[in-house]
Amino acid sequence: EKMKIVFYDGTYNKNFGSILPSEDIIQHIPKEEADICILEEPEHINWLKTPSTPWTTHFEHVVGIIHTNYLAYSSNFTIFSRLLTFLLKRFN
């Protein structure tokens, strides 16, 4: 079987410090090819919610790989960094 890697158009968002999609990603993947979806940094993709079908409805299986160290990010914030880091530790 073949594995297909699909890239999407995105733009850098200074407020988030991340690249976010600038289009509906799911529209590029036909339903008949939508078996397994592996999302790298899924939280970045989902910050900008497009009006398409949810990932778990479009694909048979969805896996997300998150490797951002949000504790490191939060500790570098200048405003409320101690509080934010404390709260994130509770969820981490």
PDB file of N, CA and C in Angstrom:
ATOM      1  N   GLU A   1       0.827  -1.181   0.000  1.00  0.00           N
ATOM      2  CA  GLU A   1       0.000   0.000   0.000  1.00  0.00           C
ATOM      3  C   GLU A   1       0.876   1.251   0.000  1.00  0.00           C
ATOM      4  N   LYS A   2       0.327   2.316  -0.478  1.00  0.00           N
ATOM      5  CA  LYS A   2       1.055   3.581  -0.544  1.00  0.00           C
ATOM      6  C   LYS A   2       0.684   4.485   0.621  1.00  0.00           C
ATOM      7  N   MET A   3       1.674   5.237   1.063  1.00  0.00           N
ATOM      8  CA  MET A   3       1.432   6.254   2.071  1.00  0.00           C
ATOM      9  C   MET A   3       1.544   7.601   1.383  1.00  0.00           C
ATOM     10  N   LYS A   4       0.613   8.475   1.648  1.00  0.00           N
ATOM     11  CA  LYS A   4       0.595   9.793   1.021  1.00  0.00           C
ATOM     12  C   LYS A   4       0.770  10.860   2.101  1.00  0.00           C
ATOM     13  N   ILE A   5       1.710  11.749   1.875  1.00  0.00           N
ATOM     14  CA  ILE A   5       1.932  12.866   2.789  1.00  0.00           C
ATOM     15  C   ILE A   5       1.378  14.120   2.124  1.00  0.00           C
ATOM     16  N   VAL A   6       0.534  14.832   2.841  1.00  0.00           N
ATOM     17  CA  VAL A   6      -0.113  16.023   2.297  1.00  0.00           C
ATOM     18  C   VAL A   6       0.332  17.233   3.112  1.00  0.00           C
ATOM     19  N   PHE A   7       0.743  18.272   2.419  1.00  0.00           N
ATOM     20  CA  PHE A   7       1.113  19.528   3.062  1.00  0.00           C
ATOM     21  C   PHE A   7       0.011  20.551   2.813  1.00  0.00           C
ATOM     22  N   TYR A   8      -0.041  21.553   3.639  1.00  0.00           N
ATOM     23  CA  TYR A   8      -1.087  22.566   3.512  1.00  0.00           C
ATOM     24  C   TYR A   8      -0.462  23.959   3.514  1.00  0.00           C
ATOM     25  N   ASP A   9      -1.204  24.914   2.960  1.00  0.00           N
ATOM     26  CA  ASP A   9      -0.762  26.306   3.002  1.00  0.00           C
ATOM     27  C   ASP A   9      -0.949  26.830   4.419  1.00  0.00           C
ATOM     28  N   GLY A  10       0.046  27.518   4.910  1.00  0.00           N
ATOM     29  CA  GLY A  10      -0.033  28.075   6.248  1.00  0.00           C
ATOM     30  C   GLY A  10       0.693  29.407   6.318  1.00  0.00           C
ATOM     31  N   THR A  11       0.436  30.122   7.372  1.00  0.00           N
ATOM     32  CA  THR A  11       1.108  31.395   7.598  1.00  0.00           C
ATOM     33  C   THR A  11       1.585  31.452   9.047  1.00  0.00           C
ATOM     34  N   TYR A  12       2.661  32.171   9.256  1.00  0.00           N
ATOM     35  CA  TYR A  12       3.202  32.321  10.608  1.00  0.00           C
ATOM     36  C   TYR A  12       2.341  33.311  11.378  1.00  0.00           C
ATOM     37  N   ASN A  13       1.901  32.899  12.559  1.00  0.00           N
ATOM     38  CA  ASN A  13       1.110  33.741  13.429  1.00  0.00           C
ATOM     39  C   ASN A  13       1.990  34.179  14.585  1.00  0.00           C
ATOM     40  N   LYS A  14       2.305  35.454  14.630  1.00  0.00           N
ATOM     41  CA  LYS A  14       3.215  35.983  15.648  1.00  0.00           C
ATOM     42  C   LYS A  14       2.665  35.795  17.062  1.00  0.00           C
ATOM     43  N   ASN A  15       1.350  35.956  17.245  1.00  0.00           N
ATOM     44  CA  ASN A  15       0.756  35.830  18.577  1.00  0.00           C
ATOM     45  C   ASN A  15       0.899  34.422  19.142  1.00  0.00           C
ATOM     46  N   PHE A  16       0.753  33.417  18.286  1.00  0.00           N
ATOM     47  CA  PHE A  16       0.890  32.023  18.718  1.00  0.00           C
ATOM     48  C   PHE A  16       2.325  31.527  18.604  1.00  0.00           C
ATOM     49  N   GLY A  17       3.147  32.215  17.820  1.00  0.00           N
ATOM     50  CA  GLY A  17       4.515  31.765  17.599  1.00  0.00           C
ATOM     51  C   GLY A  17       4.562  30.455  16.835  1.00  0.00           C
ATOM     52  N   SER A  18       3.592  30.264  15.951  1.00  0.00           N
ATOM     53  CA  SER A  18       3.465  29.003  15.222  1.00  0.00           C
ATOM     54  C   SER A  18       2.940  29.242  13.814  1.00  0.00           C
ATOM     55  N   ILE A  19       3.130  28.243  12.990  1.00  0.00           N
ATOM     56  CA  ILE A  19       2.536  28.255  11.657  1.00  0.00           C
ATOM     57  C   ILE A  19       1.152  27.637  11.779  1.00  0.00           C
ATOM     58  N   LEU A  20       0.145  28.355  11.313  1.00  0.00           N
ATOM     59  CA  LEU A  20      -1.236  27.894  11.359  1.00  0.00           C
ATOM     60  C   LEU A  20      -1.758  27.718   9.938  1.00  0.00           C
ATOM     61  N   PRO A  21      -2.684  26.802   9.723  1.00  0.00           N
ATOM     62  CA  PRO A  21      -3.221  26.608   8.378  1.00  0.00           C
ATOM     63  C   PRO A  21      -3.989  27.836   7.914  1.00  0.00           C
ATOM     64  N   SER A  22      -3.886  28.112   6.626  1.00  0.00           N
ATOM     65  CA  SER A  22      -4.628  29.237   6.057  1.00  0.00           C
ATOM     66  C   SER A  22      -5.714  28.734   5.114  1.00  0.00           C
ATOM     67  N   GLU A  23      -6.022  27.438   5.206  1.00  0.00           N
ATOM     68  CA  GLU A  23      -7.048  26.846   4.354  1.00  0.00           C
ATOM     69  C   GLU A  23      -7.635  25.629   5.057  1.00  0.00           C
ATOM     70  N   ASP A  24      -8.702  25.121   4.505  1.00  0.00           N
ATOM     71  CA  ASP A  24      -9.334  23.903   5.010  1.00  0.00           C
ATOM     72  C   ASP A  24      -8.520  22.712   4.517  1.00  0.00           C
ATOM     73  N   ILE A  25      -7.795  22.078   5.417  1.00  0.00           N
ATOM     74  CA  ILE A  25      -6.883  20.992   5.057  1.00  0.00           C
ATOM     75  C   ILE A  25      -7.638  19.770   4.544  1.00  0.00           C
ATOM     76  N   ILE A  26      -8.744  19.448   5.161  1.00  0.00           N
ATOM     77  CA  ILE A  26      -9.485  18.234   4.821  1.00  0.00           C
ATOM     78  C   ILE A  26      -9.969  18.247   3.376  1.00  0.00           C
ATOM     79  N   GLN A  27     -10.191  19.412   2.816  1.00  0.00           N
ATOM     80  CA  GLN A  27     -10.685  19.484   1.434  1.00  0.00           C
ATOM     81  C   GLN A  27      -9.694  18.885   0.432  1.00  0.00           C
ATOM     82  N   HIS A  28      -8.436  18.728   0.809  1.00  0.00           N
ATOM     83  CA  HIS A  28      -7.423  18.169  -0.086  1.00  0.00           C
ATOM     84  C   HIS A  28      -7.365  16.643  -0.054  1.00  0.00           C
ATOM     85  N   ILE A  29      -8.112  16.025   0.840  1.00  0.00           N
ATOM     86  CA  ILE A  29      -8.037  14.575   1.015  1.00  0.00           C
ATOM     87  C   ILE A  29      -9.403  13.966   0.714  1.00  0.00           C
ATOM     88  N   PRO A  30      -9.514  13.274  -0.425  1.00  0.00           N
ATOM     89  CA  PRO A  30     -10.799  12.651  -0.763  1.00  0.00           C
ATOM     90  C   PRO A  30     -11.201  11.604   0.280  1.00  0.00           C
ATOM     91  N   LYS A  31     -12.481  11.494   0.548  1.00  0.00           N
ATOM     92  CA  LYS A  31     -12.988  10.567   1.558  1.00  0.00           C
ATOM     93  C   LYS A  31     -12.520   9.138   1.284  1.00  0.00           C
ATOM     94  N   GLU A  32     -12.440   8.723   0.015  1.00  0.00           N
ATOM     95  CA  GLU A  32     -12.022   7.355  -0.311  1.00  0.00           C
ATOM     96  C   GLU A  32     -10.553   7.099   0.014  1.00  0.00           C
ATOM     97  N   GLU A  33      -9.764   8.154   0.228  1.00  0.00           N
ATOM     98  CA  GLU A  33      -8.359   8.020   0.628  1.00  0.00           C
ATOM     99  C   GLU A  33      -8.155   8.286   2.120  1.00  0.00           C
ATOM    100  N   ALA A  34      -9.225   8.554   2.828  1.00  0.00           N
ATOM    101  CA  ALA A  34      -9.142   8.986   4.225  1.00  0.00           C
ATOM    102  C   ALA A  34      -9.233   7.797   5.176  1.00  0.00           C
ATOM    103  N   ASP A  35      -8.179   7.007   5.237  1.00  0.00           N
ATOM    104  CA  ASP A  35      -8.161   5.848   6.121  1.00  0.00           C
ATOM    105  C   ASP A  35      -7.533   6.227   7.463  1.00  0.00           C
ATOM    106  N   ILE A  36      -6.235   6.527   7.460  1.00  0.00           N
ATOM    107  CA  ILE A  36      -5.512   6.881   8.688  1.00  0.00           C
ATOM    108  C   ILE A  36      -4.930   8.282   8.520  1.00  0.00           C
ATOM    109  N   CYS A  37      -5.097   9.102   9.549  1.00  0.00           N
ATOM    110  CA  CYS A  37      -4.537  10.449   9.535  1.00  0.00           C
ATOM    111  C   CYS A  37      -3.619  10.602  10.743  1.00  0.00           C
ATOM    112  N   ILE A  38      -2.363  10.935  10.485  1.00  0.00           N
ATOM    113  CA  ILE A  38      -1.404  11.201  11.562  1.00  0.00           C
ATOM    114  C   ILE A  38      -1.138  12.704  11.548  1.00  0.00           C
ATOM    115  N   LEU A  39      -1.578  13.379  12.585  1.00  0.00           N
ATOM    116  CA  LEU A  39      -1.429  14.826  12.685  1.00  0.00           C
ATOM    117  C   LEU A  39      -0.217  15.154  13.541  1.00  0.00           C
ATOM    118  N   GLU A  40       0.732  15.836  12.946  1.00  0.00           N
ATOM    119  CA  GLU A  40       1.908  16.286  13.691  1.00  0.00           C
ATOM    120  C   GLU A  40       1.577  17.665  14.236  1.00  0.00           C
ATOM    121  N   GLU A  41       1.695  17.843  15.531  1.00  0.00           N
ATOM    122  CA  GLU A  41       1.307  19.079  16.217  1.00  0.00           C
ATOM    123  C   GLU A  41      -0.173  19.406  15.953  1.00  0.00           C
ATOM    124  N   PRO A  42      -1.086  18.496  16.313  1.00  0.00           N
ATOM    125  CA  PRO A  42      -2.506  18.713  16.011  1.00  0.00           C
ATOM    126  C   PRO A  42      -3.108  19.943  16.675  1.00  0.00           C
ATOM    127  N   GLU A  43      -2.554  20.341  17.804  1.00  0.00           N
ATOM    128  CA  GLU A  43      -3.115  21.523  18.456  1.00  0.00           C
ATOM    129  C   GLU A  43      -2.894  22.769  17.606  1.00  0.00           C
ATOM    130  N   HIS A  44      -1.809  22.834  16.853  1.00  0.00           N
ATOM    131  CA  HIS A  44      -1.567  23.976  15.974  1.00  0.00           C
ATOM    132  C   HIS A  44      -2.584  23.985  14.830  1.00  0.00           C
ATOM    133  N   ILE A  45      -2.852  22.824  14.285  1.00  0.00           N
ATOM    134  CA  ILE A  45      -3.804  22.719  13.179  1.00  0.00           C
ATOM    135  C   ILE A  45      -5.208  23.087  13.642  1.00  0.00           C
ATOM    136  N   ASN A  46      -5.552  22.741  14.856  1.00  0.00           N
ATOM    137  CA  ASN A  46      -6.914  22.957  15.337  1.00  0.00           C
ATOM    138  C   ASN A  46      -7.142  24.307  16.006  1.00  0.00           C
ATOM    139  N   TRP A  47      -6.099  25.101  16.186  1.00  0.00           N
ATOM    140  CA  TRP A  47      -6.306  26.452  16.727  1.00  0.00           C
ATOM    141  C   TRP A  47      -7.148  27.276  15.761  1.00  0.00           C
ATOM    142  N   LEU A  48      -6.936  27.081  14.475  1.00  0.00           N
ATOM    143  CA  LEU A  48      -7.720  27.774  13.460  1.00  0.00           C
ATOM    144  C   LEU A  48      -8.716  26.763  12.909  1.00  0.00           C
ATOM    145  N   LYS A  49      -9.889  26.736  13.459  1.00  0.00           N
ATOM    146  CA  LYS A  49     -10.884  25.755  13.054  1.00  0.00           C
ATOM    147  C   LYS A  49     -11.565  26.202  11.775  1.00  0.00           C
ATOM    148  N   THR A  50     -11.474  25.352  10.770  1.00  0.00           N
ATOM    149  CA  THR A  50     -12.140  25.636   9.502  1.00  0.00           C
ATOM    150  C   THR A  50     -13.515  24.969   9.515  1.00  0.00           C
ATOM    151  N   PRO A  51     -14.403  25.406   8.656  1.00  0.00           N
ATOM    152  CA  PRO A  51     -15.785  24.884   8.705  1.00  0.00           C
ATOM    153  C   PRO A  51     -15.967  23.530   8.016  1.00  0.00           C
ATOM    154  N   SER A  52     -14.969  22.687   8.069  1.00  0.00           N
ATOM    155  CA  SER A  52     -15.076  21.400   7.380  1.00  0.00           C
ATOM    156  C   SER A  52     -15.539  20.299   8.322  1.00  0.00           C
ATOM    157  N   THR A  53     -15.529  19.098   7.807  1.00  0.00           N
ATOM    158  CA  THR A  53     -15.870  17.900   8.569  1.00  0.00           C
ATOM    159  C   THR A  53     -14.817  17.673   9.659  1.00  0.00           C
ATOM    160  N   PRO A  54     -15.212  17.240  10.855  1.00  0.00           N
ATOM    161  CA  PRO A  54     -14.211  16.924  11.896  1.00  0.00           C
ATOM    162  C   PRO A  54     -13.275  15.798  11.450  1.00  0.00           C
ATOM    163  N   TRP A  55     -12.048  15.829  11.959  1.00  0.00           N
ATOM    164  CA  TRP A  55     -11.043  14.812  11.605  1.00  0.00           C
ATOM    165  C   TRP A  55     -11.573  13.412  11.836  1.00  0.00           C
ATOM    166  N   THR A  56     -12.186  13.192  12.995  1.00  0.00           N
ATOM    167  CA  THR A  56     -12.619  11.845  13.357  1.00  0.00           C
ATOM    168  C   THR A  56     -13.838  11.375  12.568  1.00  0.00           C
ATOM    169  N   THR A  57     -14.509  12.264  11.894  1.00  0.00           N
ATOM    170  CA  THR A  57     -15.610  11.883  11.012  1.00  0.00           C
ATOM    171  C   THR A  57     -15.083  11.569   9.617  1.00  0.00           C
ATOM    172  N   HIS A  58     -14.118  12.342   9.160  1.00  0.00           N
ATOM    173  CA  HIS A  58     -13.581  12.184   7.799  1.00  0.00           C
ATOM    174  C   HIS A  58     -12.686  10.953   7.669  1.00  0.00           C
ATOM    175  N   PHE A  59     -11.902  10.660   8.712  1.00  0.00           N
ATOM    176  CA  PHE A  59     -10.942   9.545   8.673  1.00  0.00           C
ATOM    177  C   PHE A  59     -11.420   8.386   9.534  1.00  0.00           C
ATOM    178  N   GLU A  60     -10.999   7.187   9.160  1.00  0.00           N
ATOM    179  CA  GLU A  60     -11.299   6.004   9.961  1.00  0.00           C
ATOM    180  C   GLU A  60     -10.539   6.035  11.288  1.00  0.00           C
ATOM    181  N   HIS A  61      -9.267   6.465  11.253  1.00  0.00           N
ATOM    182  CA  HIS A  61      -8.409   6.524  12.439  1.00  0.00           C
ATOM    183  C   HIS A  61      -7.640   7.837  12.423  1.00  0.00           C
ATOM    184  N   VAL A  62      -7.550   8.485  13.581  1.00  0.00           N
ATOM    185  CA  VAL A  62      -6.810   9.745  13.708  1.00  0.00           C
ATOM    186  C   VAL A  62      -5.848   9.625  14.875  1.00  0.00           C
ATOM    187  N   VAL A  63      -4.576   9.949  14.623  1.00  0.00           N
ATOM    188  CA  VAL A  63      -3.539   9.922  15.652  1.00  0.00           C
ATOM    189  C   VAL A  63      -2.883  11.297  15.675  1.00  0.00           C
ATOM    190  N   GLY A  64      -2.695  11.846  16.853  1.00  0.00           N
ATOM    191  CA  GLY A  64      -2.027  13.137  16.978  1.00  0.00           C
ATOM    192  C   GLY A  64      -0.712  12.992  17.721  1.00  0.00           C
ATOM    193  N   ILE A  65       0.317  13.648  17.219  1.00  0.00           N
ATOM    194  CA  ILE A  65       1.639  13.623  17.852  1.00  0.00           C
ATOM    195  C   ILE A  65       1.958  15.039  18.307  1.00  0.00           C
ATOM    196  N   ILE A  66       2.047  15.220  19.616  1.00  0.00           N
ATOM    197  CA  ILE A  66       2.336  16.529  20.187  1.00  0.00           C
ATOM    198  C   ILE A  66       3.723  16.483  20.803  1.00  0.00           C
ATOM    199  N   HIS A  67       4.579  17.410  20.417  1.00  0.00           N
ATOM    200  CA  HIS A  67       5.922  17.421  20.999  1.00  0.00           C
ATOM    201  C   HIS A  67       6.375  18.818  21.400  1.00  0.00           C
ATOM    202  N   THR A  68       5.424  19.699  21.608  1.00  0.00           N
ATOM    203  CA  THR A  68       5.739  21.039  22.082  1.00  0.00           C
ATOM    204  C   THR A  68       5.858  21.023  23.597  1.00  0.00           C
ATOM    205  N   ASN A  69       6.882  21.651  24.114  1.00  0.00           N
ATOM    206  CA  ASN A  69       7.067  21.743  25.558  1.00  0.00           C
ATOM    207  C   ASN A  69       6.406  23.038  26.042  1.00  0.00           C
ATOM    208  N   TYR A  70       5.130  22.926  26.373  1.00  0.00           N
ATOM    209  CA  TYR A  70       4.389  24.118  26.779  1.00  0.00           C
ATOM    210  C   TYR A  70       4.836  24.678  28.121  1.00  0.00           C
ATOM    211  N   LEU A  71       5.428  23.847  28.951  1.00  0.00           N
ATOM    212  CA  LEU A  71       5.971  24.378  30.211  1.00  0.00           C
ATOM    213  C   LEU A  71       7.126  25.334  29.931  1.00  0.00           C
ATOM    214  N   ALA A  72       7.954  24.999  28.947  1.00  0.00           N
ATOM    215  CA  ALA A  72       9.057  25.895  28.574  1.00  0.00           C
ATOM    216  C   ALA A  72       8.517  27.191  27.977  1.00  0.00           C
ATOM    217  N   TYR A  73       7.490  27.084  27.126  1.00  0.00           N
ATOM    218  CA  TYR A  73       6.868  28.287  26.563  1.00  0.00           C
ATOM    219  C   TYR A  73       6.316  29.179  27.665  1.00  0.00           C
ATOM    220  N   SER A  74       5.559  28.572  28.573  1.00  0.00           N
ATOM    221  CA  SER A  74       4.880  29.374  29.592  1.00  0.00           C
ATOM    222  C   SER A  74       5.861  30.065  30.522  1.00  0.00           C
ATOM    223  N   SER A  75       6.994  29.431  30.788  1.00  0.00           N
ATOM    224  CA  SER A  75       7.961  30.041  31.703  1.00  0.00           C
ATOM    225  C   SER A  75       8.660  31.243  31.082  1.00  0.00           C
ATOM    226  N   ASN A  76       8.561  31.389  29.766  1.00  0.00           N
ATOM    227  CA  ASN A  76       9.183  32.534  29.091  1.00  0.00           C
ATOM    228  C   ASN A  76       8.232  33.696  28.873  1.00  0.00           C
ATOM    229  N   PHE A  77       6.968  33.532  29.240  1.00  0.00           N
ATOM    230  CA  PHE A  77       6.025  34.641  29.131  1.00  0.00           C
ATOM    231  C   PHE A  77       6.397  35.697  30.157  1.00  0.00           C
ATOM    232  N   THR A  78       6.251  36.944  29.799  1.00  0.00           N
ATOM    233  CA  THR A  78       6.608  38.010  30.731  1.00  0.00           C
ATOM    234  C   THR A  78       5.467  38.337  31.700  1.00  0.00           C
ATOM    235  N   ILE A  79       4.235  38.131  31.258  1.00  0.00           N
ATOM    236  CA  ILE A  79       3.080  38.435  32.106  1.00  0.00           C
ATOM    237  C   ILE A  79       2.468  37.121  32.577  1.00  0.00           C
ATOM    238  N   PHE A  80       2.280  36.973  33.843  1.00  0.00           N
ATOM    239  CA  PHE A  80       1.639  35.808  34.449  1.00  0.00           C
ATOM    240  C   PHE A  80       2.374  34.495  34.186  1.00  0.00           C
ATOM    241  N   SER A  81       3.674  34.543  33.930  1.00  0.00           N
ATOM    242  CA  SER A  81       4.407  33.312  33.601  1.00  0.00           C
ATOM    243  C   SER A  81       4.379  32.296  34.745  1.00  0.00           C
ATOM    244  N   ARG A  82       4.512  32.755  35.965  1.00  0.00           N
ATOM    245  CA  ARG A  82       4.518  31.821  37.099  1.00  0.00           C
ATOM    246  C   ARG A  82       3.158  31.148  37.262  1.00  0.00           C
ATOM    247  N   LEU A  83       2.094  31.919  37.128  1.00  0.00           N
ATOM    248  CA  LEU A  83       0.746  31.370  37.257  1.00  0.00           C
ATOM    249  C   LEU A  83       0.449  30.410  36.102  1.00  0.00           C
ATOM    250  N   LEU A  84       0.774  30.799  34.894  1.00  0.00           N
ATOM    251  CA  LEU A  84       0.523  29.960  33.729  1.00  0.00           C
ATOM    252  C   LEU A  84       1.289  28.640  33.810  1.00  0.00           C
ATOM    253  N   THR A  85       2.542  28.704  34.208  1.00  0.00           N
ATOM    254  CA  THR A  85       3.347  27.494  34.344  1.00  0.00           C
ATOM    255  C   THR A  85       2.774  26.590  35.427  1.00  0.00           C
ATOM    256  N   PHE A  86       2.368  27.169  36.539  1.00  0.00           N
ATOM    257  CA  PHE A  86       1.748  26.395  37.617  1.00  0.00           C
ATOM    258  C   PHE A  86       0.504  25.663  37.117  1.00  0.00           C
ATOM    259  N   LEU A  87      -0.364  26.364  36.389  1.00  0.00           N
ATOM    260  CA  LEU A  87      -1.583  25.763  35.887  1.00  0.00           C
ATOM    261  C   LEU A  87      -1.296  24.667  34.858  1.00  0.00           C
ATOM    262  N   LEU A  88      -0.327  24.902  33.996  1.00  0.00           N
ATOM    263  CA  LEU A  88       0.020  23.891  32.982  1.00  0.00           C
ATOM    264  C   LEU A  88       0.587  22.630  33.609  1.00  0.00           C
ATOM    265  N   LYS A  89       1.329  22.779  34.687  1.00  0.00           N
ATOM    266  CA  LYS A  89       1.881  21.605  35.377  1.00  0.00           C
ATOM    267  C   LYS A  89       0.760  20.699  35.871  1.00  0.00           C
ATOM    268  N   ARG A  90      -0.370  21.287  36.226  1.00  0.00           N
ATOM    269  CA  ARG A  90      -1.504  20.505  36.698  1.00  0.00           C
ATOM    270  C   ARG A  90      -2.093  19.647  35.575  1.00  0.00           C
ATOM    271  N   PHE A  91      -2.010  20.127  34.320  1.00  0.00           N
ATOM    272  CA  PHE A  91      -2.575  19.405  33.182  1.00  0.00           C
ATOM    273  C   PHE A  91      -1.560  18.563  32.446  1.00  0.00           C
ATOM    274  N   ASN A  92      -0.289  18.796  32.697  1.00  0.00           N
ATOM    275  CA  ASN A  92       0.776  18.119  31.956  1.00  0.00           C
ATOM    276  C   ASN A  92       0.972  16.690  32.418  1.00  0.00           C
TER     277      ASN A  92
END
